């Protein structure tokens, strides 16, 4: 993907991908300044977009924006994750600049709460499901080893949003360890052994908050038996949701199954959004990411 050149395009991309960011705006300026009032740039944890003039001013503003982003992520549970803040920056020797002017900078912090969903398999149900769930606040990682199926989907759906990432991999199980903290996993591959290997990899990760697998009651019972023989506890095995989906939705056609799964995902998203205890549990799993941001700030 080509990196956006303007703050406006970057803001649109961040909103599509549910990515946290700080929108920086130069307000009133006095004297000589690198850019005029109204100039904007966008700062993320790992990227910056556009410029407010470069130099030490931009460096200091970027560092301050990332600090505010971290602080607002920490305060997310208190409902204060999106805030505005104004600071004064004199362009003096303190900043290593000799313009002689000064500017007030507006920091608008927007913290996104986006759940990552790893979808394994690109068959008929997945092809029907993805156009629905890309409209949800999910960061979707779609994994399959069959490029032709991804190409077919891309040909039919040219505008599915920026929150969908295609991962072509001959070793889908290896990608489980690469997922973000507290991921959701949805397994629907064409191979029962691969399904089983993905389930075991998901159970071995203690932080997988949702582990769903498509299949019949018979398949689910067989997997439960195999997992027990492998040494997984009853409590661990109960984390597997199979058959997956809202079973009150009738029909076995791909679109029916897709709608039932989408309904279940929506229900889980509502629980996370409304239950403070679940919000806190999910937040605690992301402390490693916060620590990394603090180290880089």
C-alpha atoms as a PDB file:
ATOM      1  CA  UNK A   1       0.000   0.000   0.000  1.00  0.00           C
ATOM      2  CA  UNK A   2       1.309   3.456  -0.958  1.00  0.00           C
ATOM      3  CA  UNK A   3       1.823   5.727   2.038  1.00  0.00           C
ATOM      4  CA  UNK A   4      -0.627   8.679   2.026  1.00  0.00           C
ATOM      5  CA  UNK A   5       1.072  11.986   1.271  1.00  0.00           C
ATOM      6  CA  UNK A   6      -1.397  14.354   2.951  1.00  0.00           C
ATOM      7  CA  UNK A   7      -2.785  14.463   6.470  1.00  0.00           C
ATOM      8  CA  UNK A   8      -6.303  14.288   5.017  1.00  0.00           C
ATOM      9  CA  UNK A   9      -5.667  11.044   3.147  1.00  0.00           C
ATOM     10  CA  UNK A  10      -3.897   9.617   6.199  1.00  0.00           C
ATOM     11  CA  UNK A  11      -6.828  10.510   8.453  1.00  0.00           C
ATOM     12  CA  UNK A  12      -9.191   8.703   6.086  1.00  0.00           C
ATOM     13  CA  UNK A  13      -6.918   5.644   6.095  1.00  0.00           C
ATOM     14  CA  UNK A  14      -6.640   5.620   9.905  1.00  0.00           C
ATOM     15  CA  UNK A  15     -10.399   5.786  10.246  1.00  0.00           C
ATOM     16  CA  UNK A  16     -10.808   2.915   7.787  1.00  0.00           C
ATOM     17  CA  UNK A  17      -8.264   0.812   9.658  1.00  0.00           C
ATOM     18  CA  UNK A  18      -9.483   1.919  13.107  1.00  0.00           C
ATOM     19  CA  UNK A  19      -5.966   3.143  13.902  1.00  0.00           C
ATOM     20  CA  UNK A  20      -5.287   5.605  16.730  1.00  0.00           C
ATOM     21  CA  UNK A  21      -3.829   8.991  15.747  1.00  0.00           C
ATOM     22  CA  UNK A  22      -3.210  12.585  16.774  1.00  0.00           C
ATOM     23  CA  UNK A  23      -4.189  15.401  14.433  1.00  0.00           C
ATOM     24  CA  UNK A  24      -1.775  18.321  14.931  1.00  0.00           C
ATOM     25  CA  UNK A  25      -2.727  21.860  13.885  1.00  0.00           C
ATOM     26  CA  UNK A  26      -0.676  25.050  14.037  1.00  0.00           C
ATOM     27  CA  UNK A  27      -2.964  27.718  15.466  1.00  0.00           C
ATOM     28  CA  UNK A  28      -2.050  31.410  15.735  1.00  0.00           C
ATOM     29  CA  UNK A  29       1.574  32.092  14.820  1.00  0.00           C
ATOM     30  CA  UNK A  30       3.709  35.133  15.646  1.00  0.00           C
ATOM     31  CA  UNK A  31       6.869  36.267  13.940  1.00  0.00           C
ATOM     32  CA  UNK A  32       8.760  34.000  11.580  1.00  0.00           C
ATOM     33  CA  UNK A  33       7.563  30.352  11.582  1.00  0.00           C
ATOM     34  CA  UNK A  34       8.247  27.415   9.235  1.00  0.00           C
ATOM     35  CA  UNK A  35       4.549  27.115   8.256  1.00  0.00           C
ATOM     36  CA  UNK A  36       1.472  29.310   8.568  1.00  0.00           C
ATOM     37  CA  UNK A  37      -1.403  28.926  10.980  1.00  0.00           C
ATOM     38  CA  UNK A  38      -3.838  26.198   9.946  1.00  0.00           C
ATOM     39  CA  UNK A  39      -1.098  23.822   8.768  1.00  0.00           C
ATOM     40  CA  UNK A  40      -1.740  20.239   9.856  1.00  0.00           C
ATOM     41  CA  UNK A  41       0.020  16.914  10.173  1.00  0.00           C
ATOM     42  CA  UNK A  42      -1.105  13.535  11.468  1.00  0.00           C
ATOM     43  CA  UNK A  43       0.900  11.474  13.969  1.00  0.00           C
ATOM     44  CA  UNK A  44       0.485   7.741  14.674  1.00  0.00           C
ATOM     45  CA  UNK A  45       2.486   5.498  16.969  1.00  0.00           C
ATOM     46  CA  UNK A  46       4.711   4.383  14.095  1.00  0.00           C
ATOM     47  CA  UNK A  47       4.246   6.929  11.285  1.00  0.00           C
ATOM     48  CA  UNK A  48       3.805  10.632  10.589  1.00  0.00           C
ATOM     49  CA  UNK A  49       1.960  12.117   7.622  1.00  0.00           C
ATOM     50  CA  UNK A  50       2.400  15.559   6.079  1.00  0.00           C
ATOM     51  CA  UNK A  51       4.534  18.233   7.782  1.00  0.00           C
ATOM     52  CA  UNK A  52       4.314  21.373   9.890  1.00  0.00           C
ATOM     53  CA  UNK A  53       7.686  22.558   8.670  1.00  0.00           C
ATOM     54  CA  UNK A  54      10.205  19.976   9.771  1.00  0.00           C
ATOM     55  CA  UNK A  55      13.127  20.625  12.059  1.00  0.00           C
ATOM     56  CA  UNK A  56      13.157  20.432  15.828  1.00  0.00           C
ATOM     57  CA  UNK A  57       9.692  21.950  16.092  1.00  0.00           C
ATOM     58  CA  UNK A  58       8.180  19.060  14.165  1.00  0.00           C
ATOM     59  CA  UNK A  59      10.297  16.567  16.111  1.00  0.00           C
ATOM     60  CA  UNK A  60       9.190  17.994  19.468  1.00  0.00           C
ATOM     61  CA  UNK A  61       5.552  18.144  18.385  1.00  0.00           C
ATOM     62  CA  UNK A  62       5.700  14.558  17.153  1.00  0.00           C
ATOM     63  CA  UNK A  63       7.152  13.324  20.449  1.00  0.00           C
ATOM     64  CA  UNK A  64       4.531  15.264  22.387  1.00  0.00           C
ATOM     65  CA  UNK A  65       1.743  13.869  20.205  1.00  0.00           C
ATOM     66  CA  UNK A  66       2.910  10.299  20.825  1.00  0.00           C
ATOM     67  CA  UNK A  67       3.116  10.942  24.563  1.00  0.00           C
ATOM     68  CA  UNK A  68      -0.485  12.215  24.526  1.00  0.00           C
ATOM     69  CA  UNK A  69      -1.530   9.192  22.481  1.00  0.00           C
ATOM     70  CA  UNK A  70      -0.053   6.847  25.093  1.00  0.00           C
ATOM     71  CA  UNK A  71      -1.659   8.758  27.968  1.00  0.00           C
ATOM     72  CA  UNK A  72      -5.064   8.714  26.315  1.00  0.00           C
ATOM     73  CA  UNK A  73      -4.780   4.997  25.595  1.00  0.00           C
ATOM     74  CA  UNK A  74      -4.148   4.474  29.306  1.00  0.00           C
ATOM     75  CA  UNK A  75      -7.202   6.587  30.169  1.00  0.00           C
ATOM     76  CA  UNK A  76      -9.475   4.871  27.655  1.00  0.00           C
ATOM     77  CA  UNK A  77     -11.441   3.025  30.334  1.00  0.00           C
ATOM     78  CA  UNK A  78     -12.358   6.318  31.967  1.00  0.00           C
ATOM     79  CA  UNK A  79     -14.023   7.519  28.795  1.00  0.00           C
ATOM     80  CA  UNK A  80     -11.446  10.226  28.124  1.00  0.00           C
ATOM     81  CA  UNK A  81      -9.630   8.594  25.236  1.00  0.00           C
ATOM     82  CA  UNK A  82     -10.411  11.352  22.723  1.00  0.00           C
ATOM     83  CA  UNK A  83      -9.187  14.765  23.880  1.00  0.00           C
ATOM     84  CA  UNK A  84      -7.942  18.159  22.705  1.00  0.00           C
ATOM     85  CA  UNK A  85      -4.873  19.923  24.068  1.00  0.00           C
ATOM     86  CA  UNK A  86      -3.107  23.209  23.186  1.00  0.00           C
ATOM     87  CA  UNK A  87       0.558  23.995  23.866  1.00  0.00           C
ATOM     88  CA  UNK A  88       2.777  26.991  23.144  1.00  0.00           C
ATOM     89  CA  UNK A  89       6.074  26.439  21.293  1.00  0.00           C
ATOM     90  CA  UNK A  90       8.550  29.368  21.050  1.00  0.00           C
ATOM     91  CA  UNK A  91      10.958  28.886  18.145  1.00  0.00           C
ATOM     92  CA  UNK A  92      14.019  29.740  20.168  1.00  0.00           C
ATOM     93  CA  UNK A  93      17.391  28.160  20.888  1.00  0.00           C
ATOM     94  CA  UNK A  94      15.597  25.740  23.206  1.00  0.00           C
ATOM     95  CA  UNK A  95      14.224  24.032  20.119  1.00  0.00           C
ATOM     96  CA  UNK A  96      17.422  24.555  18.181  1.00  0.00           C
ATOM     97  CA  UNK A  97      15.678  26.968  15.828  1.00  0.00           C
ATOM     98  CA  UNK A  98      16.367  30.643  15.347  1.00  0.00           C
ATOM     99  CA  UNK A  99      13.234  31.730  13.465  1.00  0.00           C
ATOM    100  CA  UNK A 100      12.344  34.021  16.353  1.00  0.00           C
ATOM    101  CA  UNK A 101       8.640  33.315  16.089  1.00  0.00           C
ATOM    102  CA  UNK A 102       6.221  31.276  18.149  1.00  0.00           C
ATOM    103  CA  UNK A 103       3.165  29.112  17.557  1.00  0.00           C
ATOM    104  CA  UNK A 104       0.358  27.511  19.472  1.00  0.00           C
ATOM    105  CA  UNK A 105      -0.220  23.869  18.583  1.00  0.00           C
ATOM    106  CA  UNK A 106      -3.547  22.039  18.875  1.00  0.00           C
ATOM    107  CA  UNK A 107      -3.306  18.299  19.557  1.00  0.00           C
ATOM    108  CA  UNK A 108      -6.513  16.350  18.835  1.00  0.00           C
ATOM    109  CA  UNK A 109      -6.151  12.789  20.108  1.00  0.00           C
ATOM    110  CA  UNK A 110      -8.306   9.991  18.696  1.00  0.00           C
ATOM    111  CA  UNK A 111      -7.848   6.550  20.266  1.00  0.00           C
ATOM    112  CA  UNK A 112      -9.368   3.631  18.399  1.00  0.00           C
ATOM    113  CA  UNK A 113     -10.593   0.463  20.072  1.00  0.00           C
ATOM    114  CA  UNK A 114     -10.403  -2.074  17.295  1.00  0.00           C
ATOM    115  CA  UNK A 115     -10.551  -5.832  17.721  1.00  0.00           C
ATOM    116  CA  UNK A 116      -8.305  -7.953  15.512  1.00  0.00           C
ATOM    117  CA  UNK A 117      -9.993 -10.926  13.847  1.00  0.00           C
ATOM    118  CA  UNK A 118      -7.890 -13.580  12.117  1.00  0.00           C
ATOM    119  CA  UNK A 119      -9.997 -15.397   9.523  1.00  0.00           C
ATOM    120  CA  UNK A 120      -8.521 -18.676   8.299  1.00  0.00           C
ATOM    121  CA  UNK A 121      -9.887 -19.991   5.011  1.00  0.00           C
ATOM    122  CA  UNK A 122     -11.134 -18.270   1.867  1.00  0.00           C
ATOM    123  CA  UNK A 123     -13.852 -20.673   0.745  1.00  0.00           C
ATOM    124  CA  UNK A 124     -17.528 -20.015  -0.002  1.00  0.00           C
ATOM    125  CA  UNK A 125     -18.584 -19.032   3.520  1.00  0.00           C
ATOM    126  CA  UNK A 126     -15.601 -16.739   4.025  1.00  0.00           C
ATOM    127  CA  UNK A 127     -16.251 -15.072   0.657  1.00  0.00           C
ATOM    128  CA  UNK A 128     -19.825 -14.377   1.775  1.00  0.00           C
ATOM    129  CA  UNK A 129     -18.773 -13.307   5.281  1.00  0.00           C
ATOM    130  CA  UNK A 130     -16.003 -10.797   4.576  1.00  0.00           C
ATOM    131  CA  UNK A 131     -18.174  -8.177   2.767  1.00  0.00           C
ATOM    132  CA  UNK A 132     -20.359  -8.099   5.881  1.00  0.00           C
ATOM    133  CA  UNK A 133     -17.754  -7.952   8.623  1.00  0.00           C
ATOM    134  CA  UNK A 134     -15.540  -5.335   6.938  1.00  0.00           C
ATOM    135  CA  UNK A 135     -18.316  -2.934   7.925  1.00  0.00           C
ATOM    136  CA  UNK A 136     -17.719  -3.718  11.614  1.00  0.00           C
ATOM    137  CA  UNK A 137     -15.039  -2.163  13.867  1.00  0.00           C
ATOM    138  CA  UNK A 138     -12.692  -5.087  13.244  1.00  0.00           C
ATOM    139  CA  UNK A 139      -9.134  -5.311  11.982  1.00  0.00           C
ATOM    140  CA  UNK A 140      -9.388  -8.393   9.769  1.00  0.00           C
ATOM    141  CA  UNK A 141      -6.418 -10.582   8.858  1.00  0.00           C
ATOM    142  CA  UNK A 142      -7.542 -13.042   6.171  1.00  0.00           C
ATOM    143  CA  UNK A 143      -5.223 -16.021   5.796  1.00  0.00           C
ATOM    144  CA  UNK A 144      -5.174 -18.682   3.084  1.00  0.00           C
ATOM    145  CA  UNK A 145      -2.617 -20.427   0.889  1.00  0.00           C
ATOM    146  CA  UNK A 146      -4.729 -20.238  -2.288  1.00  0.00           C
ATOM    147  CA  UNK A 147      -4.006 -17.007  -4.135  1.00  0.00           C
ATOM    148  CA  UNK A 148      -6.656 -17.739  -6.745  1.00  0.00           C
ATOM    149  CA  UNK A 149      -9.424 -17.392  -4.143  1.00  0.00           C
ATOM    150  CA  UNK A 150      -8.150 -14.015  -2.979  1.00  0.00           C
ATOM    151  CA  UNK A 151      -7.950 -12.883  -6.607  1.00  0.00           C
ATOM    152  CA  UNK A 152     -11.533 -13.984  -7.226  1.00  0.00           C
ATOM    153  CA  UNK A 153     -12.720 -12.037  -4.208  1.00  0.00           C
ATOM    154  CA  UNK A 154     -10.786  -8.911  -5.186  1.00  0.00           C
ATOM    155  CA  UNK A 155     -12.298  -9.082  -8.669  1.00  0.00           C
ATOM    156  CA  UNK A 156     -15.832  -9.179  -7.254  1.00  0.00           C
ATOM    157  CA  UNK A 157     -15.348  -6.702  -4.399  1.00  0.00           C
ATOM    158  CA  UNK A 158     -13.152  -3.770  -5.348  1.00  0.00           C
ATOM    159  CA  UNK A 159     -14.133  -1.555  -2.391  1.00  0.00           C
ATOM    160  CA  UNK A 160     -14.174  -3.454   0.892  1.00  0.00           C
ATOM    161  CA  UNK A 161     -12.462  -0.923   3.169  1.00  0.00           C
ATOM    162  CA  UNK A 162      -8.983  -0.541   4.558  1.00  0.00           C
ATOM    163  CA  UNK A 163      -9.495  -2.794   7.587  1.00  0.00           C
ATOM    164  CA  UNK A 164      -8.900  -5.991   5.582  1.00  0.00           C
ATOM    165  CA  UNK A 165      -5.428  -7.491   5.161  1.00  0.00           C
ATOM    166  CA  UNK A 166      -4.786 -10.461   2.864  1.00  0.00           C
ATOM    167  CA  UNK A 167      -2.136 -12.922   4.063  1.00  0.00           C
ATOM    168  CA  UNK A 168      -1.037 -15.529   1.523  1.00  0.00           C
ATOM    169  CA  UNK A 169       0.770 -18.212   3.510  1.00  0.00           C
ATOM    170  CA  UNK A 170       1.759 -21.838   2.964  1.00  0.00           C
ATOM    171  CA  UNK A 171       2.000 -22.178   6.762  1.00  0.00           C
ATOM    172  CA  UNK A 172      -1.168 -20.633   8.217  1.00  0.00           C
ATOM    173  CA  UNK A 173      -0.528 -22.107  11.668  1.00  0.00           C
ATOM    174  CA  UNK A 174       2.713 -20.124  11.953  1.00  0.00           C
ATOM    175  CA  UNK A 175       0.760 -16.868  11.640  1.00  0.00           C
ATOM    176  CA  UNK A 176      -1.118 -17.491  14.905  1.00  0.00           C
ATOM    177  CA  UNK A 177       1.912 -16.447  16.958  1.00  0.00           C
ATOM    178  CA  UNK A 178       2.154 -13.212  14.947  1.00  0.00           C
ATOM    179  CA  UNK A 179      -1.333 -11.964  15.842  1.00  0.00           C
ATOM    180  CA  UNK A 180      -1.884  -8.950  18.082  1.00  0.00           C
ATOM    181  CA  UNK A 181      -2.590  -9.370  21.792  1.00  0.00           C
ATOM    182  CA  UNK A 182      -6.102 -10.594  22.595  1.00  0.00           C
ATOM    183  CA  UNK A 183      -7.003 -11.682  19.040  1.00  0.00           C
ATOM    184  CA  UNK A 184     -10.148 -13.337  17.794  1.00  0.00           C
ATOM    185  CA  UNK A 185      -9.731 -16.386  15.553  1.00  0.00           C
ATOM    186  CA  UNK A 186     -12.281 -17.757  13.108  1.00  0.00           C
ATOM    187  CA  UNK A 187     -11.354 -21.061  11.449  1.00  0.00           C
ATOM    188  CA  UNK A 188     -13.009 -22.315   8.264  1.00  0.00           C
ATOM    189  CA  UNK A 189     -10.375 -23.879   6.026  1.00  0.00           C
ATOM    190  CA  UNK A 190     -10.861 -26.634   3.438  1.00  0.00           C
ATOM    191  CA  UNK A 191      -8.798 -29.113   5.455  1.00  0.00           C
ATOM    192  CA  UNK A 192      -9.935 -30.686   8.733  1.00  0.00           C
ATOM    193  CA  UNK A 193      -6.380 -31.407   9.853  1.00  0.00           C
ATOM    194  CA  UNK A 194      -5.428 -27.798   9.239  1.00  0.00           C
ATOM    195  CA  UNK A 195      -8.502 -26.730  11.214  1.00  0.00           C
ATOM    196  CA  UNK A 196      -7.341 -28.918  14.093  1.00  0.00           C
ATOM    197  CA  UNK A 197      -3.797 -27.562  13.985  1.00  0.00           C
ATOM    198  CA  UNK A 198      -5.134 -23.991  14.025  1.00  0.00           C
ATOM    199  CA  UNK A 199      -7.423 -24.776  16.947  1.00  0.00           C
ATOM    200  CA  UNK A 200      -4.535 -26.206  18.969  1.00  0.00           C
ATOM    201  CA  UNK A 201      -2.390 -23.164  18.153  1.00  0.00           C
ATOM    202  CA  UNK A 202      -5.240 -20.911  19.267  1.00  0.00           C
ATOM    203  CA  UNK A 203      -5.733 -22.784  22.527  1.00  0.00           C
ATOM    204  CA  UNK A 204      -2.015 -22.668  23.241  1.00  0.00           C
ATOM    205  CA  UNK A 205      -2.248 -18.873  23.132  1.00  0.00           C
ATOM    206  CA  UNK A 206      -3.775 -17.937  26.484  1.00  0.00           C
ATOM    207  CA  UNK A 207      -5.025 -14.561  25.239  1.00  0.00           C
ATOM    208  CA  UNK A 208      -7.237 -15.647  22.316  1.00  0.00           C
ATOM    209  CA  UNK A 209     -10.577 -14.169  23.387  1.00  0.00           C
ATOM    210  CA  UNK A 210     -12.726 -15.806  20.716  1.00  0.00           C
ATOM    211  CA  UNK A 211     -11.945 -19.087  18.981  1.00  0.00           C
ATOM    212  CA  UNK A 212     -14.621 -20.186  16.529  1.00  0.00           C
ATOM    213  CA  UNK A 213     -14.590 -23.060  14.059  1.00  0.00           C
ATOM    214  CA  UNK A 214     -17.068 -23.860  11.336  1.00  0.00           C
ATOM    215  CA  UNK A 215     -18.378 -27.417  11.171  1.00  0.00           C
ATOM    216  CA  UNK A 216     -20.994 -29.909  12.276  1.00  0.00           C
ATOM    217  CA  UNK A 217     -21.742 -31.201  15.766  1.00  0.00           C
ATOM    218  CA  UNK A 218     -19.974 -34.420  14.810  1.00  0.00           C
ATOM    219  CA  UNK A 219     -16.810 -32.563  13.806  1.00  0.00           C
ATOM    220  CA  UNK A 220     -16.909 -30.588  17.046  1.00  0.00           C
ATOM    221  CA  UNK A 221     -17.226 -33.751  19.154  1.00  0.00           C
ATOM    222  CA  UNK A 222     -14.321 -35.417  17.339  1.00  0.00           C
ATOM    223  CA  UNK A 223     -12.141 -32.363  17.857  1.00  0.00           C
ATOM    224  CA  UNK A 224     -13.072 -32.236  21.544  1.00  0.00           C
ATOM    225  CA  UNK A 225     -12.011 -35.864  21.962  1.00  0.00           C
ATOM    226  CA  UNK A 226      -8.717 -35.321  20.129  1.00  0.00           C
ATOM    227  CA  UNK A 227      -7.933 -32.196  22.143  1.00  0.00           C
ATOM    228  CA  UNK A 228      -8.586 -34.066  25.360  1.00  0.00           C
ATOM    229  CA  UNK A 229      -6.236 -36.860  24.313  1.00  0.00           C
ATOM    230  CA  UNK A 230      -3.636 -34.218  23.497  1.00  0.00           C
ATOM    231  CA  UNK A 231      -3.731 -33.009  27.085  1.00  0.00           C
ATOM    232  CA  UNK A 232      -5.863 -29.879  26.923  1.00  0.00           C
ATOM    233  CA  UNK A 233      -7.985 -29.306  30.009  1.00  0.00           C
ATOM    234  CA  UNK A 234     -11.770 -29.216  29.966  1.00  0.00           C
ATOM    235  CA  UNK A 235     -11.670 -25.469  30.641  1.00  0.00           C
ATOM    236  CA  UNK A 236      -9.331 -24.896  27.668  1.00  0.00           C
ATOM    237  CA  UNK A 237     -11.430 -27.002  25.307  1.00  0.00           C
ATOM    238  CA  UNK A 238     -14.547 -25.077  26.292  1.00  0.00           C
ATOM    239  CA  UNK A 239     -12.977 -21.963  24.768  1.00  0.00           C
ATOM    240  CA  UNK A 240     -13.597 -23.477  21.322  1.00  0.00           C
ATOM    241  CA  UNK A 241     -16.924 -22.375  19.853  1.00  0.00           C
ATOM    242  CA  UNK A 242     -18.088 -24.970  17.345  1.00  0.00           C
ATOM    243  CA  UNK A 243     -20.397 -25.025  15.492  1.00  0.00           C
ATOM    244  CA  UNK A 244     -19.723 -21.321  15.192  1.00  0.00           C
ATOM    245  CA  UNK A 245     -22.356 -18.655  14.669  1.00  0.00           C
ATOM    246  CA  UNK A 246     -25.792 -17.697  15.935  1.00  0.00           C
ATOM    247  CA  UNK A 247     -27.571 -21.017  15.526  1.00  0.00           C
ATOM    248  CA  UNK A 248     -30.986 -19.330  15.543  1.00  0.00           C
ATOM    249  CA  UNK A 249     -30.289 -18.169  11.977  1.00  0.00           C
ATOM    250  CA  UNK A 250     -31.759 -20.891   9.722  1.00  0.00           C
ATOM    251  CA  UNK A 251     -30.268 -22.359   6.543  1.00  0.00           C
ATOM    252  CA  UNK A 252     -27.012 -23.968   5.472  1.00  0.00           C
ATOM    253  CA  UNK A 253     -26.193 -21.949   2.352  1.00  0.00           C
ATOM    254  CA  UNK A 254     -22.947 -19.927   2.548  1.00  0.00           C
ATOM    255  CA  UNK A 255     -24.792 -16.623   2.956  1.00  0.00           C
ATOM    256  CA  UNK A 256     -26.959 -18.040   5.759  1.00  0.00           C
ATOM    257  CA  UNK A 257     -23.932 -19.348   7.635  1.00  0.00           C
ATOM    258  CA  UNK A 258     -22.095 -16.072   7.027  1.00  0.00           C
ATOM    259  CA  UNK A 259     -24.981 -14.055   8.453  1.00  0.00           C
ATOM    260  CA  UNK A 260     -25.138 -16.300  11.526  1.00  0.00           C
ATOM    261  CA  UNK A 261     -21.395 -15.845  12.154  1.00  0.00           C
ATOM    262  CA  UNK A 262     -21.597 -12.088  11.595  1.00  0.00           C
ATOM    263  CA  UNK A 263     -24.471 -11.933  14.092  1.00  0.00           C
ATOM    264  CA  UNK A 264     -22.382 -13.718  16.709  1.00  0.00           C
ATOM    265  CA  UNK A 265     -19.437 -11.375  16.129  1.00  0.00           C
ATOM    266  CA  UNK A 266     -21.724  -8.351  16.493  1.00  0.00           C
ATOM    267  CA  UNK A 267     -23.040  -9.709  19.772  1.00  0.00           C
ATOM    268  CA  UNK A 268     -19.503 -10.118  21.094  1.00  0.00           C
ATOM    269  CA  UNK A 269     -18.572  -6.600  20.011  1.00  0.00           C
ATOM    270  CA  UNK A 270     -21.579  -5.242  21.891  1.00  0.00           C
ATOM    271  CA  UNK A 271     -20.531  -7.103  25.049  1.00  0.00           C
ATOM    272  CA  UNK A 272     -17.030  -5.625  24.871  1.00  0.00           C
ATOM    273  CA  UNK A 273     -18.386  -2.126  24.294  1.00  0.00           C
ATOM    274  CA  UNK A 274     -20.841  -2.285  27.222  1.00  0.00           C
ATOM    275  CA  UNK A 275     -19.096  -4.401  29.861  1.00  0.00           C
ATOM    276  CA  UNK A 276     -16.395  -2.452  31.774  1.00  0.00           C
ATOM    277  CA  UNK A 277     -14.932  -5.650  33.216  1.00  0.00           C
ATOM    278  CA  UNK A 278     -14.431  -7.126  29.763  1.00  0.00           C
ATOM    279  CA  UNK A 279     -13.029  -3.823  28.541  1.00  0.00           C
ATOM    280  CA  UNK A 280     -10.500  -3.894  31.369  1.00  0.00           C
ATOM    281  CA  UNK A 281      -9.541  -7.511  30.665  1.00  0.00           C
ATOM    282  CA  UNK A 282      -8.998  -6.707  27.006  1.00  0.00           C
ATOM    283  CA  UNK A 283      -7.048  -3.565  27.873  1.00  0.00           C
ATOM    284  CA  UNK A 284      -4.663  -5.370  30.197  1.00  0.00           C
ATOM    285  CA  UNK A 285      -3.592  -7.692  27.375  1.00  0.00           C
ATOM    286  CA  UNK A 286      -2.438  -4.665  25.388  1.00  0.00           C
ATOM    287  CA  UNK A 287       0.007  -3.350  27.998  1.00  0.00           C
ATOM    288  CA  UNK A 288       2.948  -4.755  26.044  1.00  0.00           C
ATOM    289  CA  UNK A 289       2.000  -2.518  23.127  1.00  0.00           C
ATOM    290  CA  UNK A 290       1.781   0.516  25.424  1.00  0.00           C
ATOM    291  CA  UNK A 291       5.186  -0.300  26.897  1.00  0.00           C
ATOM    292  CA  UNK A 292       6.626  -0.467  23.394  1.00  0.00           C
ATOM    293  CA  UNK A 293       5.151   2.934  22.528  1.00  0.00           C
ATOM    294  CA  UNK A 294       6.591   4.434  25.709  1.00  0.00           C
ATOM    295  CA  UNK A 295      10.014   3.057  24.874  1.00  0.00           C
ATOM    296  CA  UNK A 296       9.876   4.595  21.388  1.00  0.00           C
ATOM    297  CA  UNK A 297       8.477   7.939  22.514  1.00  0.00           C
END
